[in-house]
């Protein structure tokens, strides 16, 4: 189930994720995020392919997917006791250097 926004605007990003990031991958950590959005909380799931998958907390609808940058990953883990996998930061840096997240 996807949001109207995702269906309308994210085809190119979806293709980059499939072709260059080896797809969505498996979720390694998830974080409930309050961005103050009118539709409520979001669940941001980080995968082992360096992708962030964002769903609406209440409806479960897919909002968007992002090719993660290292600084994004660091922000998720900042106020937790979870350790950031070094390989994940390296992968995100590599994706950033190749400009997959543009």
PDB file of N, CA and C in Angstrom:
ATOM      1  N   UNK A   1       0.847  -1.170   0.000  1.00  0.00           N
ATOM      2  CA  UNK A   1       0.000   0.000   0.000  1.00  0.00           C
ATOM      3  C   UNK A   1       0.901   1.245   0.000  1.00  0.00           C
ATOM      4  N   UNK A   2       0.708   2.108  -0.938  1.00  0.00           N
ATOM      5  CA  UNK A   2       1.530   3.316  -1.031  1.00  0.00           C
ATOM      6  C   UNK A   2       0.658   4.568  -1.010  1.00  0.00           C
ATOM      7  N   UNK A   3       1.284   5.661  -0.615  1.00  0.00           N
ATOM      8  CA  UNK A   3       0.581   6.937  -0.624  1.00  0.00           C
ATOM      9  C   UNK A   3       0.456   7.440  -2.061  1.00  0.00           C
ATOM     10  N   UNK A   4      -0.488   8.350  -2.290  1.00  0.00           N
ATOM     11  CA  UNK A   4      -0.648   8.956  -3.617  1.00  0.00           C
ATOM     12  C   UNK A   4       0.631   9.680  -4.025  1.00  0.00           C
ATOM     13  N   UNK A   5       1.252  10.363  -3.056  1.00  0.00           N
ATOM     14  CA  UNK A   5       2.492  11.099  -3.310  1.00  0.00           C
ATOM     15  C   UNK A   5       3.570  10.170  -3.848  1.00  0.00           C
ATOM     16  N   UNK A   6       3.738   9.025  -3.219  1.00  0.00           N
ATOM     17  CA  UNK A   6       4.789   8.103  -3.652  1.00  0.00           C
ATOM     18  C   UNK A   6       4.515   7.602  -5.069  1.00  0.00           C
ATOM     19  N   UNK A   7       3.300   7.203  -5.331  1.00  0.00           N
ATOM     20  CA  UNK A   7       2.947   6.694  -6.659  1.00  0.00           C
ATOM     21  C   UNK A   7       3.215   7.739  -7.744  1.00  0.00           C
ATOM     22  N   UNK A   8       2.928   8.998  -7.435  1.00  0.00           N
ATOM     23  CA  UNK A   8       3.032  10.075  -8.408  1.00  0.00           C
ATOM     24  C   UNK A   8       4.459  10.511  -8.683  1.00  0.00           C
ATOM     25  N   UNK A   9       5.319  10.514  -7.672  1.00  0.00           N
ATOM     26  CA  UNK A   9       6.578  11.241  -7.816  1.00  0.00           C
ATOM     27  C   UNK A   9       7.861  10.436  -7.612  1.00  0.00           C
ATOM     28  N   UNK A  10       7.796   9.204  -7.258  1.00  0.00           N
ATOM     29  CA  UNK A  10       9.015   8.517  -6.852  1.00  0.00           C
ATOM     30  C   UNK A  10       9.485   7.380  -7.753  1.00  0.00           C
ATOM     31  N   UNK A  11       9.032   7.321  -8.975  1.00  0.00           N
ATOM     32  CA  UNK A  11       9.410   6.244  -9.878  1.00  0.00           C
ATOM     33  C   UNK A  11      10.918   6.203 -10.145  1.00  0.00           C
ATOM     34  N   UNK A  12      11.536   7.345 -10.394  1.00  0.00           N
ATOM     35  CA  UNK A  12      12.973   7.388 -10.674  1.00  0.00           C
ATOM     36  C   UNK A  12      13.777   6.879  -9.478  1.00  0.00           C
ATOM     37  N   UNK A  13      13.426   7.345  -8.285  1.00  0.00           N
ATOM     38  CA  UNK A  13      14.130   6.907  -7.081  1.00  0.00           C
ATOM     39  C   UNK A  13      13.973   5.397  -6.884  1.00  0.00           C
ATOM     40  N   UNK A  14      12.778   4.889  -7.138  1.00  0.00           N
ATOM     41  CA  UNK A  14      12.519   3.449  -7.006  1.00  0.00           C
ATOM     42  C   UNK A  14      13.423   2.657  -7.955  1.00  0.00           C
ATOM     43  N   UNK A  15      13.604   3.155  -9.161  1.00  0.00           N
ATOM     44  CA  UNK A  15      14.462   2.480 -10.136  1.00  0.00           C
ATOM     45  C   UNK A  15      15.926   2.478  -9.694  1.00  0.00           C
ATOM     46  N   UNK A  16      16.400   3.578  -9.132  1.00  0.00           N
ATOM     47  CA  UNK A  16      17.776   3.651  -8.623  1.00  0.00           C
ATOM     48  C   UNK A  16      17.963   2.642  -7.494  1.00  0.00           C
ATOM     49  N   UNK A  17      17.000   2.573  -6.597  1.00  0.00           N
ATOM     50  CA  UNK A  17      17.090   1.635  -5.477  1.00  0.00           C
ATOM     51  C   UNK A  17      17.137   0.200  -5.983  1.00  0.00           C
ATOM     52  N   UNK A  18      16.294  -0.129  -6.951  1.00  0.00           N
ATOM     53  CA  UNK A  18      16.272  -1.488  -7.498  1.00  0.00           C
ATOM     54  C   UNK A  18      17.572  -1.826  -8.227  1.00  0.00           C
ATOM     55  N   UNK A  19      18.018  -0.907  -9.087  1.00  0.00           N
ATOM     56  CA  UNK A  19      19.162  -1.194  -9.960  1.00  0.00           C
ATOM     57  C   UNK A  19      20.513  -1.083  -9.270  1.00  0.00           C
ATOM     58  N   UNK A  20      20.720  -0.036  -8.469  1.00  0.00           N
ATOM     59  CA  UNK A  20      22.042   0.240  -7.926  1.00  0.00           C
ATOM     60  C   UNK A  20      22.222  -0.110  -6.450  1.00  0.00           C
ATOM     61  N   UNK A  21      21.122  -0.213  -5.716  1.00  0.00           N
ATOM     62  CA  UNK A  21      21.230  -0.510  -4.279  1.00  0.00           C
ATOM     63  C   UNK A  21      20.823  -1.947  -3.965  1.00  0.00           C
ATOM     64  N   UNK A  22      20.556  -2.737  -4.977  1.00  0.00           N
ATOM     65  CA  UNK A  22      20.118  -4.122  -4.799  1.00  0.00           C
ATOM     66  C   UNK A  22      18.775  -4.224  -4.087  1.00  0.00           C
ATOM     67  N   UNK A  23      17.895  -3.284  -4.345  1.00  0.00           N
ATOM     68  CA  UNK A  23      16.545  -3.336  -3.807  1.00  0.00           C
ATOM     69  C   UNK A  23      16.428  -2.809  -2.386  1.00  0.00           C
ATOM     70  N   UNK A  24      15.263  -3.056  -1.813  1.00  0.00           N
ATOM     71  CA  UNK A  24      14.974  -2.544  -0.472  1.00  0.00           C
ATOM     72  C   UNK A  24      15.837  -3.186   0.602  1.00  0.00           C
ATOM     73  N   UNK A  25      16.132  -4.453   0.472  1.00  0.00           N
ATOM     74  CA  UNK A  25      16.909  -5.152   1.489  1.00  0.00           C
ATOM     75  C   UNK A  25      16.067  -5.533   2.690  1.00  0.00           C
ATOM     76  N   UNK A  26      16.752  -5.965   3.744  1.00  0.00           N
ATOM     77  CA  UNK A  26      16.104  -6.388   4.990  1.00  0.00           C
ATOM     78  C   UNK A  26      16.248  -5.277   6.031  1.00  0.00           C
ATOM     79  N   UNK A  27      15.196  -5.052   6.781  1.00  0.00           N
ATOM     80  CA  UNK A  27      15.212  -4.016   7.816  1.00  0.00           C
ATOM     81  C   UNK A  27      16.151  -4.428   8.944  1.00  0.00           C
ATOM     82  N   UNK A  28      17.041  -3.505   9.323  1.00  0.00           N
ATOM     83  CA  UNK A  28      17.947  -3.776  10.447  1.00  0.00           C
ATOM     84  C   UNK A  28      17.581  -2.974  11.688  1.00  0.00           C
ATOM     85  N   UNK A  29      16.899  -1.832  11.505  1.00  0.00           N
ATOM     86  CA  UNK A  29      16.405  -1.028  12.629  1.00  0.00           C
ATOM     87  C   UNK A  29      15.282  -0.136  12.146  1.00  0.00           C
ATOM     88  N   UNK A  30      14.350   0.141  13.050  1.00  0.00           N
ATOM     89  CA  UNK A  30      13.248   1.056  12.749  1.00  0.00           C
ATOM     90  C   UNK A  30      13.115   2.073  13.870  1.00  0.00           C
ATOM     91  N   UNK A  31      12.671   3.259  13.504  1.00  0.00           N
ATOM     92  CA  UNK A  31      12.524   4.354  14.449  1.00  0.00           C
ATOM     93  C   UNK A  31      11.189   5.038  14.208  1.00  0.00           C
ATOM     94  N   UNK A  32      10.432   5.308  15.287  1.00  0.00           N
ATOM     95  CA  UNK A  32       9.189   6.062  15.177  1.00  0.00           C
ATOM     96  C   UNK A  32       9.569   7.538  15.242  1.00  0.00           C
ATOM     97  N   UNK A  33       9.138   8.292  14.235  1.00  0.00           N
ATOM     98  CA  UNK A  33       9.537   9.684  14.083  1.00  0.00           C
ATOM     99  C   UNK A  33       8.300  10.579  14.046  1.00  0.00           C
ATOM    100  N   UNK A  34       8.369  11.683  14.789  1.00  0.00           N
ATOM    101  CA  UNK A  34       7.311  12.684  14.753  1.00  0.00           C
ATOM    102  C   UNK A  34       7.840  13.908  14.029  1.00  0.00           C
ATOM    103  N   UNK A  35       7.431  14.063  12.770  1.00  0.00           N
ATOM    104  CA  UNK A  35       7.841  15.209  11.957  1.00  0.00           C
ATOM    105  C   UNK A  35       6.798  16.320  12.007  1.00  0.00           C
ATOM    106  N   UNK A  36       5.769  16.144  12.846  1.00  0.00           N
ATOM    107  CA  UNK A  36       4.715  17.131  12.932  1.00  0.00           C
ATOM    108  C   UNK A  36       3.791  17.113  11.724  1.00  0.00           C
ATOM    109  N   UNK A  37       3.824  16.031  10.965  1.00  0.00           N
ATOM    110  CA  UNK A  37       3.002  15.923   9.758  1.00  0.00           C
ATOM    111  C   UNK A  37       1.532  15.789  10.138  1.00  0.00           C
ATOM    112  N   UNK A  38       0.664  16.345   9.337  1.00  0.00           N
ATOM    113  CA  UNK A  38      -0.769  16.325   9.636  1.00  0.00           C
ATOM    114  C   UNK A  38      -1.345  14.910   9.671  1.00  0.00           C
ATOM    115  N   UNK A  39      -0.694  13.975   9.008  1.00  0.00           N
ATOM    116  CA  UNK A  39      -1.178  12.591   9.022  1.00  0.00           C
ATOM    117  C   UNK A  39      -0.522  11.756  10.108  1.00  0.00           C
ATOM    118  N   UNK A  40       0.273  12.396  10.956  1.00  0.00           N
ATOM    119  CA  UNK A  40       0.783  11.719  12.143  1.00  0.00           C
ATOM    120  C   UNK A  40       2.189  11.175  12.050  1.00  0.00           C
ATOM    121  N   UNK A  41       2.476  10.263  12.955  1.00  0.00           N
ATOM    122  CA  UNK A  41       3.813   9.688  13.107  1.00  0.00           C
ATOM    123  C   UNK A  41       4.211   8.862  11.893  1.00  0.00           C
ATOM    124  N   UNK A  42       5.515   8.678  11.764  1.00  0.00           N
ATOM    125  CA  UNK A  42       6.076   7.850  10.689  1.00  0.00           C
ATOM    126  C   UNK A  42       7.000   6.804  11.294  1.00  0.00           C
ATOM    127  N   UNK A  43       7.150   5.706  10.589  1.00  0.00           N
ATOM    128  CA  UNK A  43       8.136   4.690  10.940  1.00  0.00           C
ATOM    129  C   UNK A  43       9.205   4.738   9.863  1.00  0.00           C
ATOM    130  N   UNK A  44      10.432   5.019  10.276  1.00  0.00           N
ATOM    131  CA  UNK A  44      11.575   5.073   9.359  1.00  0.00           C
ATOM    132  C   UNK A  44      12.391   3.800   9.586  1.00  0.00           C
ATOM    133  N   UNK A  45      12.427   2.943   8.575  1.00  0.00           N
ATOM    134  CA  UNK A  45      13.135   1.672   8.670  1.00  0.00           C
ATOM    135  C   UNK A  45      14.404   1.727   7.835  1.00  0.00           C
ATOM    136  N   UNK A  46      15.506   1.367   8.452  1.00  0.00           N
ATOM    137  CA  UNK A  46      16.806   1.355   7.776  1.00  0.00           C
ATOM    138  C   UNK A  46      17.094  -0.084   7.359  1.00  0.00           C
ATOM    139  N   UNK A  47      17.505  -0.236   6.105  1.00  0.00           N
ATOM    140  CA  UNK A  47      17.741  -1.585   5.600  1.00  0.00           C
ATOM    141  C   UNK A  47      19.228  -1.859   5.365  1.00  0.00           C
ATOM    142  N   UNK A  48      19.515  -3.126   5.158  1.00  0.00           N
ATOM    143  CA  UNK A  48      20.900  -3.541   4.949  1.00  0.00           C
ATOM    144  C   UNK A  48      21.430  -3.188   3.563  1.00  0.00           C
ATOM    145  N   UNK A  49      20.615  -2.547   2.732  1.00  0.00           N
ATOM    146  CA  UNK A  49      21.102  -2.051   1.442  1.00  0.00           C
ATOM    147  C   UNK A  49      21.291  -0.534   1.462  1.00  0.00           C
ATOM    148  N   UNK A  50      21.172   0.064   2.652  1.00  0.00           N
ATOM    149  CA  UNK A  50      21.381   1.499   2.779  1.00  0.00           C
ATOM    150  C   UNK A  50      20.192   2.334   2.339  1.00  0.00           C
ATOM    151  N   UNK A  51      19.021   1.760   2.441  1.00  0.00           N
ATOM    152  CA  UNK A  51      17.795   2.446   2.053  1.00  0.00           C
ATOM    153  C   UNK A  51      16.986   2.739   3.315  1.00  0.00           C
ATOM    154  N   UNK A  52      16.333   3.897   3.346  1.00  0.00           N
ATOM    155  CA  UNK A  52      15.406   4.242   4.415  1.00  0.00           C
ATOM    156  C   UNK A  52      14.006   4.145   3.821  1.00  0.00           C
ATOM    157  N   UNK A  53      13.174   3.320   4.435  1.00  0.00           N
ATOM    158  CA  UNK A  53      11.801   3.144   3.981  1.00  0.00           C
ATOM    159  C   UNK A  53      10.901   3.801   5.020  1.00  0.00           C
ATOM    160  N   UNK A  54      10.065   4.723   4.565  1.00  0.00           N
ATOM    161  CA  UNK A  54       9.226   5.492   5.482  1.00  0.00           C
ATOM    162  C   UNK A  54       7.759   5.139   5.251  1.00  0.00           C
ATOM    163  N   UNK A  55       7.110   4.709   6.344  1.00  0.00           N
ATOM    164  CA  UNK A  55       5.680   4.378   6.330  1.00  0.00           C
ATOM    165  C   UNK A  55       4.945   5.260   7.326  1.00  0.00           C
ATOM    166  N   UNK A  56       3.664   5.502   7.055  1.00  0.00           N
ATOM    167  CA  UNK A  56       2.820   6.158   8.040  1.00  0.00           C
ATOM    168  C   UNK A  56       2.588   5.179   9.186  1.00  0.00           C
ATOM    169  N   UNK A  57       2.773   5.645  10.405  1.00  0.00           N
ATOM    170  CA  UNK A  57       2.657   4.808  11.601  1.00  0.00           C
ATOM    171  C   UNK A  57       1.247   4.232  11.745  1.00  0.00           C
ATOM    172  N   UNK A  58       0.240   4.998  11.425  1.00  0.00           N
ATOM    173  CA  UNK A  58      -1.139   4.603  11.663  1.00  0.00           C
ATOM    174  C   UNK A  58      -1.740   3.783  10.532  1.00  0.00           C
ATOM    175  N   UNK A  59      -1.447   4.146   9.298  1.00  0.00           N
ATOM    176  CA  UNK A  59      -2.058   3.459   8.156  1.00  0.00           C
ATOM    177  C   UNK A  59      -1.169   2.380   7.565  1.00  0.00           C
ATOM    178  N   UNK A  60       0.145   2.473   7.825  1.00  0.00           N
ATOM    179  CA  UNK A  60       1.077   1.532   7.225  1.00  0.00           C
ATOM    180  C   UNK A  60       1.415   1.853   5.782  1.00  0.00           C
ATOM    181  N   UNK A  61       0.832   2.900   5.224  1.00  0.00           N
ATOM    182  CA  UNK A  61       1.102   3.256   3.822  1.00  0.00           C
ATOM    183  C   UNK A  61       2.548   3.695   3.648  1.00  0.00           C
ATOM    184  N   UNK A  62       3.121   3.270   2.526  1.00  0.00           N
ATOM    185  CA  UNK A  62       4.461   3.707   2.158  1.00  0.00           C
ATOM    186  C   UNK A  62       4.414   5.184   1.805  1.00  0.00           C
ATOM    187  N   UNK A  63       5.257   5.976   2.449  1.00  0.00           N
ATOM    188  CA  UNK A  63       5.338   7.409   2.171  1.00  0.00           C
ATOM    189  C   UNK A  63       6.434   7.667   1.155  1.00  0.00           C
ATOM    190  N   UNK A  64       7.629   7.134   1.411  1.00  0.00           N
ATOM    191  CA  UNK A  64       8.749   7.326   0.486  1.00  0.00           C
ATOM    192  C   UNK A  64       9.870   6.369   0.839  1.00  0.00           C
ATOM    193  N   UNK A  65      10.847   6.318  -0.040  1.00  0.00           N
ATOM    194  CA  UNK A  65      12.096   5.597   0.183  1.00  0.00           C
ATOM    195  C   UNK A  65      13.228   6.562  -0.130  1.00  0.00           C
ATOM    196  N   UNK A  66      14.301   6.450   0.618  1.00  0.00           N
ATOM    197  CA  UNK A  66      15.462   7.313   0.426  1.00  0.00           C
ATOM    198  C   UNK A  66      16.720   6.453   0.355  1.00  0.00           C
ATOM    199  N   UNK A  67      17.652   6.848  -0.474  1.00  0.00           N
ATOM    200  CA  UNK A  67      18.988   6.258  -0.424  1.00  0.00           C
ATOM    201  C   UNK A  67      19.714   7.055   0.659  1.00  0.00           C
ATOM    202  N   UNK A  68      20.050   6.382   1.744  1.00  0.00           N
ATOM    203  CA  UNK A  68      20.538   7.062   2.945  1.00  0.00           C
ATOM    204  C   UNK A  68      21.935   7.641   2.780  1.00  0.00           C
ATOM    205  N   UNK A  69      22.125   8.788   3.416  1.00  0.00           N
ATOM    206  CA  UNK A  69      23.446   9.392   3.549  1.00  0.00           C
ATOM    207  C   UNK A  69      23.942   9.102   4.961  1.00  0.00           C
ATOM    208  N   UNK A  70      25.252   9.062   5.181  1.00  0.00           N
ATOM    209  CA  UNK A  70      25.783   8.745   6.512  1.00  0.00           C
ATOM    210  C   UNK A  70      25.233   9.642   7.618  1.00  0.00           C
ATOM    211  N   UNK A  71      25.096  10.940   7.351  1.00  0.00           N
ATOM    212  CA  UNK A  71      24.620  11.855   8.393  1.00  0.00           C
ATOM    213  C   UNK A  71      23.176  11.548   8.781  1.00  0.00           C
ATOM    214  N   UNK A  72      22.365  11.121   7.834  1.00  0.00           N
ATOM    215  CA  UNK A  72      20.994  10.729   8.159  1.00  0.00           C
ATOM    216  C   UNK A  72      20.999   9.553   9.124  1.00  0.00           C
ATOM    217  N   UNK A  73      21.820   8.568   8.820  1.00  0.00           N
ATOM    218  CA  UNK A  73      21.900   7.374   9.673  1.00  0.00           C
ATOM    219  C   UNK A  73      22.357   7.765  11.075  1.00  0.00           C
ATOM    220  N   UNK A  74      23.343   8.626  11.162  1.00  0.00           N
ATOM    221  CA  UNK A  74      23.833   9.062  12.472  1.00  0.00           C
ATOM    222  C   UNK A  74      22.746   9.754  13.278  1.00  0.00           C
ATOM    223  N   UNK A  75      21.908  10.549  12.623  1.00  0.00           N
ATOM    224  CA  UNK A  75      20.820  11.241  13.339  1.00  0.00           C
ATOM    225  C   UNK A  75      19.812  10.257  13.925  1.00  0.00           C
ATOM    226  N   UNK A  76      19.512   9.199  13.203  1.00  0.00           N
ATOM    227  CA  UNK A  76      18.573   8.209  13.733  1.00  0.00           C
ATOM    228  C   UNK A  76      19.095   7.571  15.014  1.00  0.00           C
ATOM    229  N   UNK A  77      20.363   7.256  15.033  1.00  0.00           N
ATOM    230  CA  UNK A  77      20.954   6.528  16.154  1.00  0.00           C
ATOM    231  C   UNK A  77      21.393   7.436  17.304  1.00  0.00           C
ATOM    232  N   UNK A  78      21.404   8.733  17.083  1.00  0.00           N
ATOM    233  CA  UNK A  78      22.003   9.690  18.014  1.00  0.00           C
ATOM    234  C   UNK A  78      21.549   9.524  19.460  1.00  0.00           C
ATOM    235  N   UNK A  79      20.273   9.489  19.709  1.00  0.00           N
ATOM    236  CA  UNK A  79      19.778   9.438  21.087  1.00  0.00           C
ATOM    237  C   UNK A  79      19.290   8.052  21.492  1.00  0.00           C
ATOM    238  N   UNK A  80      19.914   7.047  20.932  1.00  0.00           N
ATOM    239  CA  UNK A  80      19.561   5.670  21.285  1.00  0.00           C
ATOM    240  C   UNK A  80      20.797   4.974  21.846  1.00  0.00           C
ATOM    241  N   UNK A  81      20.579   3.809  22.359  1.00  0.00           N
ATOM    242  CA  UNK A  81      21.708   2.999  22.828  1.00  0.00           C
ATOM    243  C   UNK A  81      22.138   1.992  21.765  1.00  0.00           C
ATOM    244  N   UNK A  82      21.531   2.087  20.600  1.00  0.00           N
ATOM    245  CA  UNK A  82      21.877   1.182  19.505  1.00  0.00           C
ATOM    246  C   UNK A  82      23.179   1.630  18.871  1.00  0.00           C
ATOM    247  N   UNK A  83      23.984   0.672  18.492  1.00  0.00           N
ATOM    248  CA  UNK A  83      25.256   0.971  17.831  1.00  0.00           C
ATOM    249  C   UNK A  83      25.060   0.988  16.314  1.00  0.00           C
ATOM    250  N   UNK A  84      25.648   1.978  15.679  1.00  0.00           N
ATOM    251  CA  UNK A  84      25.563   2.071  14.212  1.00  0.00           C
ATOM    252  C   UNK A  84      26.542   1.074  13.605  1.00  0.00           C
ATOM    253  N   UNK A  85      26.060   0.199  12.744  1.00  0.00           N
ATOM    254  CA  UNK A  85      26.989  -0.709  12.068  1.00  0.00           C
ATOM    255  C   UNK A  85      27.943   0.087  11.163  1.00  0.00           C
ATOM    256  N   UNK A  86      29.227  -0.122  11.344  1.00  0.00           N
ATOM    257  CA  UNK A  86      30.237   0.600  10.550  1.00  0.00           C
ATOM    258  C   UNK A  86      30.062   0.335   9.057  1.00  0.00           C
ATOM    259  N   UNK A  87      29.747  -0.915   8.716  1.00  0.00           N
ATOM    260  CA  UNK A  87      29.568  -1.262   7.304  1.00  0.00           C
ATOM    261  C   UNK A  87      28.417  -0.470   6.679  1.00  0.00           C
ATOM    262  N   UNK A  88      27.392  -0.152   7.490  1.00  0.00           N
ATOM    263  CA  UNK A  88      26.265   0.615   6.983  1.00  0.00           C
ATOM    264  C   UNK A  88      26.685   2.046   6.649  1.00  0.00           C
ATOM    265  N   UNK A  89      27.453   2.657   7.527  1.00  0.00           N
ATOM    266  CA  UNK A  89      27.955   4.009   7.246  1.00  0.00           C
ATOM    267  C   UNK A  89      28.841   4.011   6.004  1.00  0.00           C
ATOM    268  N   UNK A  90      29.671   2.991   5.868  1.00  0.00           N
ATOM    269  CA  UNK A  90      30.540   2.884   4.683  1.00  0.00           C
ATOM    270  C   UNK A  90      29.709   2.738   3.404  1.00  0.00           C
ATOM    271  N   UNK A  91      28.673   1.911   3.476  1.00  0.00           N
ATOM    272  CA  UNK A  91      27.796   1.714   2.317  1.00  0.00           C
ATOM    273  C   UNK A  91      27.090   3.019   1.952  1.00  0.00           C
ATOM    274  N   UNK A  92      26.590   3.728   2.944  1.00  0.00           N
ATOM    275  CA  UNK A  92      25.895   5.001   2.687  1.00  0.00           C
ATOM    276  C   UNK A  92      26.850   6.045   2.117  1.00  0.00           C
ATOM    277  N   UNK A  93      28.066   6.047   2.585  1.00  0.00           N
ATOM    278  CA  UNK A  93      29.083   6.967   2.053  1.00  0.00           C
ATOM    279  C   UNK A  93      29.354   6.642   0.581  1.00  0.00           C
ATOM    280  N   UNK A  94      29.464   5.369   0.287  1.00  0.00           N
ATOM    281  CA  UNK A  94      29.705   4.925  -1.088  1.00  0.00           C
ATOM    282  C   UNK A  94      28.539   5.370  -1.989  1.00  0.00           C
ATOM    283  N   UNK A  95      27.297   5.142  -1.535  1.00  0.00           N
ATOM    284  CA  UNK A  95      26.126   5.582  -2.298  1.00  0.00           C
ATOM    285  C   UNK A  95      26.130   7.097  -2.493  1.00  0.00           C
ATOM    286  N   UNK A  96      26.527   7.822  -1.457  1.00  0.00           N
ATOM    287  CA  UNK A  96      26.580   9.285  -1.554  1.00  0.00           C
ATOM    288  C   UNK A  96      27.639   9.722  -2.562  1.00  0.00           C
ATOM    289  N   UNK A  97      28.793   9.092  -2.514  1.00  0.00           N
ATOM    290  CA  UNK A  97      29.863   9.430  -3.454  1.00  0.00           C
ATOM    291  C   UNK A  97      29.432   9.175  -4.907  1.00  0.00           C
ATOM    292  N   UNK A  98      28.596   8.153  -5.108  1.00  0.00           N
ATOM    293  CA  UNK A  98      28.092   7.835  -6.447  1.00  0.00           C
ATOM    294  C   UNK A  98      26.835   8.632  -6.808  1.00  0.00           C
ATOM    295  N   UNK A  99      26.396   9.494  -5.861  1.00  0.00           N
ATOM    296  CA  UNK A  99      25.249  10.384  -6.045  1.00  0.00           C
ATOM    297  C   UNK A  99      23.940   9.650  -6.293  1.00  0.00           C
ATOM    298  N   UNK A 100      23.763   8.487  -5.651  1.00  0.00           N
ATOM    299  CA  UNK A 100      22.510   7.740  -5.772  1.00  0.00           C
ATOM    300  C   UNK A 100      21.377   8.434  -5.022  1.00  0.00           C
ATOM    301  N   UNK A 101      21.708   9.313  -4.106  1.00  0.00           N
ATOM    302  CA  UNK A 101      20.661   9.946  -3.285  1.00  0.00           C
ATOM    303  C   UNK A 101      20.280  11.346  -3.789  1.00  0.00           C
ATOM    304  N   UNK A 102      20.605  11.651  -5.016  1.00  0.00           N
ATOM    305  CA  UNK A 102      20.237  12.970  -5.579  1.00  0.00           C
ATOM    306  C   UNK A 102      18.899  12.925  -6.258  1.00  0.00           C
TER     307      UNK A 102
END
